[in-house]
Amino acid sequence: DEAFANEFHCKILEAKKQFRPLAVSLDKPIGFCLWYYYCKYKTSANYVTLKNLLRGNSNESGEHLDECVICDDGGDLICCDSCPNAYHLSCLGLKSIEDEIEWFCPDC
């Protein structure tokens, strides 16, 4: 399902493609994680993001969405430091975030 696909994407980014920490964070057997990665994840658009990030490209290179994940409008967006998701603060019910900290979206 799509929710698990998003969770897997965020967790594999956090684990930097290390399957043991990935399996622990997902509470899944390592065999399942390997199967999912090779049979499902590698055929997804998220795989390109993972490859680019592991090569040293960050989300700051323009890989974020141009519209809010919640309302589909553009404008002043905050970007997740782990995946391409972008949000309006108001859509998340936030007034502000600190500029100097890493910020991870609700999916991550």
PDB file of N, CA and C in Angstrom:
ATOM      1  N   ASP A   1       0.824  -1.185   0.000  1.00  0.00           N
ATOM      2  CA  ASP A   1       0.000   0.000   0.000  1.00  0.00           C
ATOM      3  C   ASP A   1       0.870   1.251   0.000  1.00  0.00           C
ATOM      4  N   GLU A   2       0.258   2.383  -0.320  1.00  0.00           N
ATOM      5  CA  GLU A   2       1.013   3.631  -0.490  1.00  0.00           C
ATOM      6  C   GLU A   2       1.627   4.131   0.818  1.00  0.00           C
ATOM      7  N   ALA A   3       0.921   3.937   1.923  1.00  0.00           N
ATOM      8  CA  ALA A   3       1.459   4.386   3.213  1.00  0.00           C
ATOM      9  C   ALA A   3       2.745   3.634   3.546  1.00  0.00           C
ATOM     10  N   PHE A   4       2.756   2.327   3.330  1.00  0.00           N
ATOM     11  CA  PHE A   4       3.973   1.565   3.600  1.00  0.00           C
ATOM     12  C   PHE A   4       5.078   1.953   2.627  1.00  0.00           C
ATOM     13  N   ALA A   5       4.734   2.199   1.369  1.00  0.00           N
ATOM     14  CA  ALA A   5       5.737   2.613   0.388  1.00  0.00           C
ATOM     15  C   ALA A   5       6.416   3.910   0.833  1.00  0.00           C
ATOM     16  N   ASN A   6       5.648   4.865   1.335  1.00  0.00           N
ATOM     17  CA  ASN A   6       6.215   6.124   1.832  1.00  0.00           C
ATOM     18  C   ASN A   6       7.068   5.895   3.073  1.00  0.00           C
ATOM     19  N   GLU A   7       6.582   5.045   3.968  1.00  0.00           N
ATOM     20  CA  GLU A   7       7.356   4.736   5.179  1.00  0.00           C
ATOM     21  C   GLU A   7       8.670   4.048   4.805  1.00  0.00           C
ATOM     22  N   PHE A   8       8.607   3.089   3.897  1.00  0.00           N
ATOM     23  CA  PHE A   8       9.817   2.381   3.463  1.00  0.00           C
ATOM     24  C   PHE A   8      10.813   3.366   2.871  1.00  0.00           C
ATOM     25  N   HIS A   9      10.332   4.268   2.027  1.00  0.00           N
ATOM     26  CA  HIS A   9      11.206   5.257   1.395  1.00  0.00           C
ATOM     27  C   HIS A   9      11.911   6.115   2.447  1.00  0.00           C
ATOM     28  N   CYS A  10      11.156   6.626   3.392  1.00  0.00           N
ATOM     29  CA  CYS A  10      11.755   7.477   4.428  1.00  0.00           C
ATOM     30  C   CYS A  10      12.740   6.697   5.288  1.00  0.00           C
ATOM     31  N   LYS A  11      12.387   5.473   5.631  1.00  0.00           N
ATOM     32  CA  LYS A  11      13.256   4.665   6.492  1.00  0.00           C
ATOM     33  C   LYS A  11      14.527   4.235   5.768  1.00  0.00           C
ATOM     34  N   ILE A  12      14.436   3.922   4.487  1.00  0.00           N
ATOM     35  CA  ILE A  12      15.646   3.511   3.771  1.00  0.00           C
ATOM     36  C   ILE A  12      16.580   4.705   3.566  1.00  0.00           C
ATOM     37  N   LEU A  13      16.016   5.893   3.437  1.00  0.00           N
ATOM     38  CA  LEU A  13      16.842   7.101   3.383  1.00  0.00           C
ATOM     39  C   LEU A  13      17.560   7.313   4.712  1.00  0.00           C
ATOM     40  N   GLU A  14      16.830   7.182   5.805  1.00  0.00           N
ATOM     41  CA  GLU A  14      17.424   7.341   7.135  1.00  0.00           C
ATOM     42  C   GLU A  14      18.527   6.313   7.383  1.00  0.00           C
ATOM     43  N   ALA A  15      18.277   5.085   6.935  1.00  0.00           N
ATOM     44  CA  ALA A  15      19.236   3.997   7.156  1.00  0.00           C
ATOM     45  C   ALA A  15      20.371   4.007   6.128  1.00  0.00           C
ATOM     46  N   LYS A  16      20.290   4.910   5.156  1.00  0.00           N
ATOM     47  CA  LYS A  16      21.305   5.021   4.093  1.00  0.00           C
ATOM     48  C   LYS A  16      21.558   3.671   3.418  1.00  0.00           C
ATOM     49  N   LYS A  17      20.448   2.980   3.148  1.00  0.00           N
ATOM     50  CA  LYS A  17      20.436   1.704   2.432  1.00  0.00           C
ATOM     51  C   LYS A  17      21.134   0.581   3.198  1.00  0.00           C
ATOM     52  N   GLN A  18      21.210   0.707   4.498  1.00  0.00           N
ATOM     53  CA  GLN A  18      21.728  -0.365   5.349  1.00  0.00           C
ATOM     54  C   GLN A  18      20.525  -1.193   5.799  1.00  0.00           C
ATOM     55  N   PHE A  19      20.486  -2.452   5.401  1.00  0.00           N
ATOM     56  CA  PHE A  19      19.263  -3.232   5.567  1.00  0.00           C
ATOM     57  C   PHE A  19      18.992  -3.694   6.999  1.00  0.00           C
ATOM     58  N   ARG A  20      20.009  -3.918   7.797  1.00  0.00           N
ATOM     59  CA  ARG A  20      19.745  -4.315   9.194  1.00  0.00           C
ATOM     60  C   ARG A  20      19.045  -3.189   9.962  1.00  0.00           C
ATOM     61  N   PRO A  21      19.593  -1.954   9.949  1.00  0.00           N
ATOM     62  CA  PRO A  21      18.860  -0.880  10.641  1.00  0.00           C
ATOM     63  C   PRO A  21      17.481  -0.617  10.032  1.00  0.00           C
ATOM     64  N   LEU A  22      17.376  -0.786   8.718  1.00  0.00           N
ATOM     65  CA  LEU A  22      16.087  -0.609   8.056  1.00  0.00           C
ATOM     66  C   LEU A  22      15.076  -1.615   8.587  1.00  0.00           C
ATOM     67  N   ALA A  23      15.468  -2.879   8.664  1.00  0.00           N
ATOM     68  CA  ALA A  23      14.570  -3.934   9.151  1.00  0.00           C
ATOM     69  C   ALA A  23      14.131  -3.671  10.587  1.00  0.00           C
ATOM     70  N   VAL A  24      15.064  -3.226  11.417  1.00  0.00           N
ATOM     71  CA  VAL A  24      14.728  -2.923  12.813  1.00  0.00           C
ATOM     72  C   VAL A  24      13.739  -1.762  12.883  1.00  0.00           C
ATOM     73  N   SER A  25      13.993  -0.697  12.114  1.00  0.00           N
ATOM     74  CA  SER A  25      13.122   0.476  12.181  1.00  0.00           C
ATOM     75  C   SER A  25      11.724   0.187  11.636  1.00  0.00           C
ATOM     76  N   LEU A  26      11.632  -0.730  10.689  1.00  0.00           N
ATOM     77  CA  LEU A  26      10.325  -1.096  10.133  1.00  0.00           C
ATOM     78  C   LEU A  26       9.655  -2.234  10.902  1.00  0.00           C
ATOM     79  N   ASP A  27      10.423  -2.871  11.814  1.00  0.00           N
ATOM     80  CA  ASP A  27       9.946  -4.044  12.540  1.00  0.00           C
ATOM     81  C   ASP A  27       9.515  -5.159  11.573  1.00  0.00           C
ATOM     82  N   LYS A  28      10.387  -5.384  10.572  1.00  0.00           N
ATOM     83  CA  LYS A  28      10.153  -6.407   9.554  1.00  0.00           C
ATOM     84  C   LYS A  28      11.403  -7.280   9.458  1.00  0.00           C
ATOM     85  N   PRO A  29      11.260  -8.516   9.018  1.00  0.00           N
ATOM     86  CA  PRO A  29      12.443  -9.358   8.794  1.00  0.00           C
ATOM     87  C   PRO A  29      13.319  -8.782   7.681  1.00  0.00           C
ATOM     88  N   ILE A  30      14.608  -8.989   7.795  1.00  0.00           N
ATOM     89  CA  ILE A  30      15.532  -8.456   6.802  1.00  0.00           C
ATOM     90  C   ILE A  30      15.239  -9.039   5.422  1.00  0.00           C
ATOM     91  N   GLY A  31      14.821 -10.295   5.372  1.00  0.00           N
ATOM     92  CA  GLY A  31      14.468 -10.920   4.099  1.00  0.00           C
ATOM     93  C   GLY A  31      13.320 -10.203   3.404  1.00  0.00           C
ATOM     94  N   PHE A  32      12.332  -9.789   4.186  1.00  0.00           N
ATOM     95  CA  PHE A  32      11.226  -9.035   3.614  1.00  0.00           C
ATOM     96  C   PHE A  32      11.709  -7.708   3.066  1.00  0.00           C
ATOM     97  N   CYS A  33      12.578  -7.025   3.824  1.00  0.00           N
ATOM     98  CA  CYS A  33      13.102  -5.727   3.383  1.00  0.00           C
ATOM     99  C   CYS A  33      13.886  -5.863   2.082  1.00  0.00           C
ATOM    100  N   LEU A  34      14.679  -6.900   1.978  1.00  0.00           N
ATOM    101  CA  LEU A  34      15.438  -7.137   0.743  1.00  0.00           C
ATOM    102  C   LEU A  34      14.491  -7.417  -0.424  1.00  0.00           C
ATOM    103  N   TRP A  35      13.489  -8.266  -0.193  1.00  0.00           N
ATOM    104  CA  TRP A  35      12.515  -8.570  -1.242  1.00  0.00           C
ATOM    105  C   TRP A  35      11.789  -7.299  -1.673  1.00  0.00           C
ATOM    106  N   TYR A  36      11.318  -6.526  -0.714  1.00  0.00           N
ATOM    107  CA  TYR A  36      10.575  -5.318  -1.036  1.00  0.00           C
ATOM    108  C   TYR A  36      11.449  -4.341  -1.825  1.00  0.00           C
ATOM    109  N   TYR A  37      12.696  -4.192  -1.404  1.00  0.00           N
ATOM    110  CA  TYR A  37      13.612  -3.281  -2.075  1.00  0.00           C
ATOM    111  C   TYR A  37      13.801  -3.676  -3.541  1.00  0.00           C
ATOM    112  N   TYR A  38      14.118  -4.936  -3.780  1.00  0.00           N
ATOM    113  CA  TYR A  38      14.419  -5.369  -5.148  1.00  0.00           C
ATOM    114  C   TYR A  38      13.185  -5.563  -6.020  1.00  0.00           C
ATOM    115  N   CYS A  39      12.070  -5.959  -5.439  1.00  0.00           N
ATOM    116  CA  CYS A  39      10.876  -6.258  -6.237  1.00  0.00           C
ATOM    117  C   CYS A  39       9.885  -5.097  -6.348  1.00  0.00           C
ATOM    118  N   LYS A  40       9.863  -4.219  -5.377  1.00  0.00           N
ATOM    119  CA  LYS A  40       8.875  -3.135  -5.370  1.00  0.00           C
ATOM    120  C   LYS A  40       9.534  -1.753  -5.445  1.00  0.00           C
ATOM    121  N   TYR A  41      10.468  -1.500  -4.533  1.00  0.00           N
ATOM    122  CA  TYR A  41      11.030  -0.161  -4.383  1.00  0.00           C
ATOM    123  C   TYR A  41      11.833   0.275  -5.598  1.00  0.00           C
ATOM    124  N   LYS A  42      12.651  -0.628  -6.154  1.00  0.00           N
ATOM    125  CA  LYS A  42      13.523  -0.238  -7.270  1.00  0.00           C
ATOM    126  C   LYS A  42      12.742   0.154  -8.519  1.00  0.00           C
ATOM    127  N   THR A  43      11.486  -0.204  -8.605  1.00  0.00           N
ATOM    128  CA  THR A  43      10.666   0.167  -9.754  1.00  0.00           C
ATOM    129  C   THR A  43       9.867   1.451  -9.491  1.00  0.00           C
ATOM    130  N   SER A  44      10.063   2.053  -8.310  1.00  0.00           N
ATOM    131  CA  SER A  44       9.300   3.254  -7.959  1.00  0.00           C
ATOM    132  C   SER A  44      10.090   4.519  -8.266  1.00  0.00           C
ATOM    133  N   ALA A  45       9.392   5.632  -8.325  1.00  0.00           N
ATOM    134  CA  ALA A  45      10.038   6.931  -8.541  1.00  0.00           C
ATOM    135  C   ALA A  45      10.928   7.309  -7.357  1.00  0.00           C
ATOM    136  N   ASN A  46      10.605   6.810  -6.174  1.00  0.00           N
ATOM    137  CA  ASN A  46      11.407   7.118  -4.987  1.00  0.00           C
ATOM    138  C   ASN A  46      12.823   6.562  -5.084  1.00  0.00           C
ATOM    139  N   TYR A  47      13.011   5.514  -5.867  1.00  0.00           N
ATOM    140  CA  TYR A  47      14.338   4.918  -6.007  1.00  0.00           C
ATOM    141  C   TYR A  47      15.339   5.924  -6.587  1.00  0.00           C
ATOM    142  N   VAL A  48      14.900   6.729  -7.534  1.00  0.00           N
ATOM    143  CA  VAL A  48      15.778   7.748  -8.133  1.00  0.00           C
ATOM    144  C   VAL A  48      16.231   8.737  -7.069  1.00  0.00           C
ATOM    145  N   THR A  49      15.325   9.128  -6.189  1.00  0.00           N
ATOM    146  CA  THR A  49      15.672  10.037  -5.100  1.00  0.00           C
ATOM    147  C   THR A  49      16.724   9.414  -4.202  1.00  0.00           C
ATOM    148  N   LEU A  50      16.541   8.159  -3.839  1.00  0.00           N
ATOM    149  CA  LEU A  50      17.511   7.462  -3.003  1.00  0.00           C
ATOM    150  C   LEU A  50      18.878   7.432  -3.671  1.00  0.00           C
ATOM    151  N   LYS A  51      18.919   7.074  -4.936  1.00  0.00           N
ATOM    152  CA  LYS A  51      20.191   7.014  -5.649  1.00  0.00           C
ATOM    153  C   LYS A  51      20.891   8.361  -5.653  1.00  0.00           C
ATOM    154  N   ASN A  52      20.161   9.413  -5.938  1.00  0.00           N
ATOM    155  CA  ASN A  52      20.744  10.753  -5.972  1.00  0.00           C
ATOM    156  C   ASN A  52      21.265  11.176  -4.607  1.00  0.00           C
ATOM    157  N   LEU A  53      20.522  10.891  -3.563  1.00  0.00           N
ATOM    158  CA  LEU A  53      20.953  11.266  -2.224  1.00  0.00           C
ATOM    159  C   LEU A  53      22.191  10.483  -1.799  1.00  0.00           C
ATOM    160  N   LEU A  54      22.240   9.220  -2.121  1.00  0.00           N
ATOM    161  CA  LEU A  54      23.393   8.412  -1.746  1.00  0.00           C
ATOM    162  C   LEU A  54      24.632   8.788  -2.551  1.00  0.00           C
ATOM    163  N   ARG A  55      24.441   9.379  -3.701  1.00  0.00           N
ATOM    164  CA  ARG A  55      25.565   9.861  -4.497  1.00  0.00           C
ATOM    165  C   ARG A  55      26.072  11.209  -3.998  1.00  0.00           C
ATOM    166  N   GLY A  56      25.412  11.778  -3.015  1.00  0.00           N
ATOM    167  CA  GLY A  56      25.855  13.054  -2.469  1.00  0.00           C
ATOM    168  C   GLY A  56      24.976  14.219  -2.846  1.00  0.00           C
ATOM    169  N   ASN A  57      23.958  13.998  -3.662  1.00  0.00           N
ATOM    170  CA  ASN A  57      23.013  15.068  -3.981  1.00  0.00           C
ATOM    171  C   ASN A  57      22.008  15.153  -2.851  1.00  0.00           C
ATOM    172  N   SER A  58      21.699  16.343  -2.416  1.00  0.00           N
ATOM    173  CA  SER A  58      20.721  16.491  -1.344  1.00  0.00           C
ATOM    174  C   SER A  58      19.387  16.936  -1.925  1.00  0.00           C
ATOM    175  N   ASN A  59      18.387  16.939  -1.059  1.00  0.00           N
ATOM    176  CA  ASN A  59      17.077  17.416  -1.478  1.00  0.00           C
ATOM    177  C   ASN A  59      17.115  18.882  -1.872  1.00  0.00           C
ATOM    178  N   GLU A  60      18.142  19.600  -1.446  1.00  0.00           N
ATOM    179  CA  GLU A  60      18.257  21.010  -1.772  1.00  0.00           C
ATOM    180  C   GLU A  60      18.604  21.229  -3.238  1.00  0.00           C
ATOM    181  N   SER A  61      18.855  20.168  -3.983  1.00  0.00           N
ATOM    182  CA  SER A  61      19.197  20.303  -5.393  1.00  0.00           C
ATOM    183  C   SER A  61      17.961  20.402  -6.270  1.00  0.00           C
ATOM    184  N   GLY A  62      16.791  20.682  -5.695  1.00  0.00           N
ATOM    185  CA  GLY A  62      15.586  20.886  -6.484  1.00  0.00           C
ATOM    186  C   GLY A  62      14.726  19.658  -6.627  1.00  0.00           C
ATOM    187  N   GLU A  63      14.942  18.666  -5.814  1.00  0.00           N
ATOM    188  CA  GLU A  63      14.184  17.424  -5.923  1.00  0.00           C
ATOM    189  C   GLU A  63      12.898  17.430  -5.114  1.00  0.00           C
ATOM    190  N   HIS A  64      12.625  18.504  -4.400  1.00  0.00           N
ATOM    191  CA  HIS A  64      11.406  18.562  -3.607  1.00  0.00           C
ATOM    192  C   HIS A  64      10.200  18.852  -4.496  1.00  0.00           C
ATOM    193  N   LEU A  65       9.052  18.494  -3.976  1.00  0.00           N
ATOM    194  CA  LEU A  65       7.809  18.809  -4.662  1.00  0.00           C
ATOM    195  C   LEU A  65       7.623  20.319  -4.706  1.00  0.00           C
ATOM    196  N   ASP A  66       6.952  20.795  -5.723  1.00  0.00           N
ATOM    197  CA  ASP A  66       6.680  22.223  -5.866  1.00  0.00           C
ATOM    198  C   ASP A  66       5.352  22.623  -5.255  1.00  0.00           C
ATOM    199  N   GLU A  67       4.614  21.643  -4.742  1.00  0.00           N
ATOM    200  CA  GLU A  67       3.341  21.937  -4.116  1.00  0.00           C
ATOM    201  C   GLU A  67       3.220  21.146  -2.823  1.00  0.00           C
ATOM    202  N   CYS A  68       2.390  21.647  -1.954  1.00  0.00           N
ATOM    203  CA  CYS A  68       2.165  21.036  -0.647  1.00  0.00           C
ATOM    204  C   CYS A  68       1.545  19.647  -0.811  1.00  0.00           C
ATOM    205  N   VAL A  69       2.063  18.687  -0.050  1.00  0.00           N
ATOM    206  CA  VAL A  69       1.552  17.320  -0.093  1.00  0.00           C
ATOM    207  C   VAL A  69       0.098  17.265   0.372  1.00  0.00           C
ATOM    208  N   ILE A  70      -0.297  18.158   1.259  1.00  0.00           N
ATOM    209  CA  ILE A  70      -1.641  18.118   1.839  1.00  0.00           C
ATOM    210  C   ILE A  70      -2.677  18.813   0.965  1.00  0.00           C
ATOM    211  N   CYS A  71      -2.393  20.051   0.511  1.00  0.00           N
ATOM    212  CA  CYS A  71      -3.415  20.824  -0.210  1.00  0.00           C
ATOM    213  C   CYS A  71      -3.150  20.964  -1.713  1.00  0.00           C
ATOM    214  N   ASP A  72      -1.998  20.517  -2.179  1.00  0.00           N
ATOM    215  CA  ASP A  72      -1.608  20.590  -3.595  1.00  0.00           C
ATOM    216  C   ASP A  72      -1.419  22.003  -4.130  1.00  0.00           C
ATOM    217  N   ASP A  73      -1.267  22.999  -3.247  1.00  0.00           N
ATOM    218  CA  ASP A  73      -0.974  24.365  -3.678  1.00  0.00           C
ATOM    219  C   ASP A  73       0.509  24.654  -3.500  1.00  0.00           C
ATOM    220  N   GLY A  74       1.027  25.570  -4.287  1.00  0.00           N
ATOM    221  CA  GLY A  74       2.412  26.003  -4.150  1.00  0.00           C
ATOM    222  C   GLY A  74       2.510  27.122  -3.134  1.00  0.00           C
ATOM    223  N   GLY A  75       3.606  27.827  -3.171  1.00  0.00           N
ATOM    224  CA  GLY A  75       3.786  28.961  -2.270  1.00  0.00           C
ATOM    225  C   GLY A  75       4.977  28.763  -1.369  1.00  0.00           C
ATOM    226  N   ASP A  76       4.887  29.294  -0.153  1.00  0.00           N
ATOM    227  CA  ASP A  76       5.969  29.217   0.822  1.00  0.00           C
ATOM    228  C   ASP A  76       5.901  27.858   1.518  1.00  0.00           C
ATOM    229  N   LEU A  77       6.798  26.958   1.132  1.00  0.00           N
ATOM    230  CA  LEU A  77       6.770  25.579   1.609  1.00  0.00           C
ATOM    231  C   LEU A  77       7.990  25.259   2.457  1.00  0.00           C
ATOM    232  N   ILE A  78       7.810  24.343   3.418  1.00  0.00           N
ATOM    233  CA  ILE A  78       8.954  23.782   4.123  1.00  0.00           C
ATOM    234  C   ILE A  78       9.213  22.409   3.525  1.00  0.00           C
ATOM    235  N   CYS A  79      10.478  22.061   3.407  1.00  0.00           N
ATOM    236  CA  CYS A  79      10.864  20.822   2.739  1.00  0.00           C
ATOM    237  C   CYS A  79      11.452  19.837   3.739  1.00  0.00           C
ATOM    238  N   CYS A  80      11.069  18.596   3.615  1.00  0.00           N
ATOM    239  CA  CYS A  80      11.598  17.533   4.451  1.00  0.00           C
ATOM    240  C   CYS A  80      13.077  17.319   4.131  1.00  0.00           C
ATOM    241  N   ASP A  81      13.880  17.086   5.154  1.00  0.00           N
ATOM    242  CA  ASP A  81      15.303  16.830   4.959  1.00  0.00           C
ATOM    243  C   ASP A  81      15.593  15.373   4.620  1.00  0.00           C
ATOM    244  N   SER A  82      14.540  14.546   4.529  1.00  0.00           N
ATOM    245  CA  SER A  82      14.745  13.132   4.266  1.00  0.00           C
ATOM    246  C   SER A  82      14.086  12.633   2.983  1.00  0.00           C
ATOM    247  N   CYS A  83      13.099  13.354   2.487  1.00  0.00           N
ATOM    248  CA  CYS A  83      12.394  12.916   1.282  1.00  0.00           C
ATOM    249  C   CYS A  83      11.955  14.152   0.482  1.00  0.00           C
ATOM    250  N   PRO A  84      11.342  13.971  -0.677  1.00  0.00           N
ATOM    251  CA  PRO A  84      10.956  15.111  -1.519  1.00  0.00           C
ATOM    252  C   PRO A  84       9.724  15.887  -1.051  1.00  0.00           C
ATOM    253  N   ASN A  85       9.073  15.460   0.018  1.00  0.00           N
ATOM    254  CA  ASN A  85       7.835  16.103   0.449  1.00  0.00           C
ATOM    255  C   ASN A  85       8.041  17.553   0.871  1.00  0.00           C
ATOM    256  N   ALA A  86       7.027  18.377   0.577  1.00  0.00           N
ATOM    257  CA  ALA A  86       7.021  19.787   0.946  1.00  0.00           C
ATOM    258  C   ALA A  86       5.625  20.129   1.479  1.00  0.00           C
ATOM    259  N   TYR A  87       5.572  21.079   2.420  1.00  0.00           N
ATOM    260  CA  TYR A  87       4.328  21.406   3.117  1.00  0.00           C
ATOM    261  C   TYR A  87       4.241  22.894   3.406  1.00  0.00           C
ATOM    262  N   HIS A  88       3.005  23.387   3.530  1.00  0.00           N
ATOM    263  CA  HIS A  88       2.775  24.699   4.131  1.00  0.00           C
ATOM    264  C   HIS A  88       2.777  24.489   5.645  1.00  0.00           C
ATOM    265  N   LEU A  89       3.344  25.421   6.374  1.00  0.00           N
ATOM    266  CA  LEU A  89       3.302  25.326   7.833  1.00  0.00           C
ATOM    267  C   LEU A  89       1.864  25.208   8.335  1.00  0.00           C
ATOM    268  N   SER A  90       0.980  26.022   7.742  1.00  0.00           N
ATOM    269  CA  SER A  90      -0.412  26.030   8.199  1.00  0.00           C
ATOM    270  C   SER A  90      -1.104  24.687   7.946  1.00  0.00           C
ATOM    271  N   CYS A  91      -0.747  23.982   6.876  1.00  0.00           N
ATOM    272  CA  CYS A  91      -1.347  22.675   6.604  1.00  0.00           C
ATOM    273  C   CYS A  91      -0.932  21.634   7.636  1.00  0.00           C
ATOM    274  N   LEU A  92       0.221  21.856   8.253  1.00  0.00           N
ATOM    275  CA  LEU A  92       0.703  20.966   9.310  1.00  0.00           C
ATOM    276  C   LEU A  92       0.275  21.423  10.695  1.00  0.00           C
ATOM    277  N   GLY A  93      -0.393  22.579  10.756  1.00  0.00           N
ATOM    278  CA  GLY A  93      -0.807  23.117  12.041  1.00  0.00           C
ATOM    279  C   GLY A  93       0.351  23.728  12.826  1.00  0.00           C
ATOM    280  N   LEU A  94       1.403  24.154  12.106  1.00  0.00           N
ATOM    281  CA  LEU A  94       2.577  24.756  12.746  1.00  0.00           C
ATOM    282  C   LEU A  94       2.612  26.259  12.480  1.00  0.00           C
ATOM    283  N   LYS A  95       3.187  26.994  13.401  1.00  0.00           N
ATOM    284  CA  LYS A  95       3.373  28.433  13.200  1.00  0.00           C
ATOM    285  C   LYS A  95       4.761  28.714  12.648  1.00  0.00           C
ATOM    286  N   SER A  96       5.753  27.933  13.086  1.00  0.00           N
ATOM    287  CA  SER A  96       7.125  28.122  12.607  1.00  0.00           C
ATOM    288  C   SER A  96       7.960  26.889  12.947  1.00  0.00           C
ATOM    289  N   ILE A  97       9.126  26.817  12.335  1.00  0.00           N
ATOM    290  CA  ILE A  97      10.128  25.814  12.698  1.00  0.00           C
ATOM    291  C   ILE A  97      11.469  26.530  12.774  1.00  0.00           C
ATOM    292  N   GLU A  98      12.382  25.966  13.517  1.00  0.00           N
ATOM    293  CA  GLU A  98      13.713  26.559  13.617  1.00  0.00           C
ATOM    294  C   GLU A  98      14.471  26.303  12.326  1.00  0.00           C
ATOM    295  N   ASP A  99      15.124  27.335  11.805  1.00  0.00           N
ATOM    296  CA  ASP A  99      15.852  27.221  10.540  1.00  0.00           C
ATOM    297  C   ASP A  99      17.066  26.316  10.624  1.00  0.00           C
ATOM    298  N   GLU A 100      17.705  26.262  11.766  1.00  0.00           N
ATOM    299  CA  GLU A 100      18.978  25.561  11.885  1.00  0.00           C
ATOM    300  C   GLU A 100      18.852  24.066  12.181  1.00  0.00           C
ATOM    301  N   ILE A 101      17.641  23.577  12.376  1.00  0.00           N
ATOM    302  CA  ILE A 101      17.488  22.161  12.692  1.00  0.00           C
ATOM    303  C   ILE A 101      17.059  21.378  11.459  1.00  0.00           C
ATOM    304  N   GLU A 102      17.351  20.074  11.466  1.00  0.00           N
ATOM    305  CA  GLU A 102      16.819  19.217  10.412  1.00  0.00           C
ATOM    306  C   GLU A 102      15.332  19.048  10.694  1.00  0.00           C
ATOM    307  N   TRP A 103      14.543  19.023   9.630  1.00  0.00           N
ATOM    308  CA  TRP A 103      13.103  18.850   9.795  1.00  0.00           C
ATOM    309  C   TRP A 103      12.660  17.668   8.957  1.00  0.00           C
ATOM    310  N   PHE A 104      11.891  16.786   9.592  1.00  0.00           N
ATOM    311  CA  PHE A 104      11.389  15.598   8.915  1.00  0.00           C
ATOM    312  C   PHE A 104       9.861  15.640   8.895  1.00  0.00           C
ATOM    313  N   CYS A 105       9.311  15.312   7.751  1.00  0.00           N
ATOM    314  CA  CYS A 105       7.863  15.386   7.557  1.00  0.00           C
ATOM    315  C   CYS A 105       7.141  14.293   8.342  1.00  0.00           C
ATOM    316  N   PRO A 106       5.826  14.368   8.444  1.00  0.00           N
ATOM    317  CA  PRO A 106       5.064  13.343   9.159  1.00  0.00           C
ATOM    318  C   PRO A 106       5.251  11.935   8.592  1.00  0.00           C
ATOM    319  N   ASP A 107       5.490  11.800   7.291  1.00  0.00           N
ATOM    320  CA  ASP A 107       5.723  10.485   6.698  1.00  0.00           C
ATOM    321  C   ASP A 107       7.048   9.884   7.146  1.00  0.00           C
ATOM    322  N   CYS A 108       8.025  10.742   7.384  1.00  0.00           N
ATOM    323  CA  CYS A 108       9.348  10.262   7.776  1.00  0.00           C
ATOM    324  C   CYS A 108       9.486  10.138   9.279  1.00  0.00           C
TER     325      CYS A 108
END
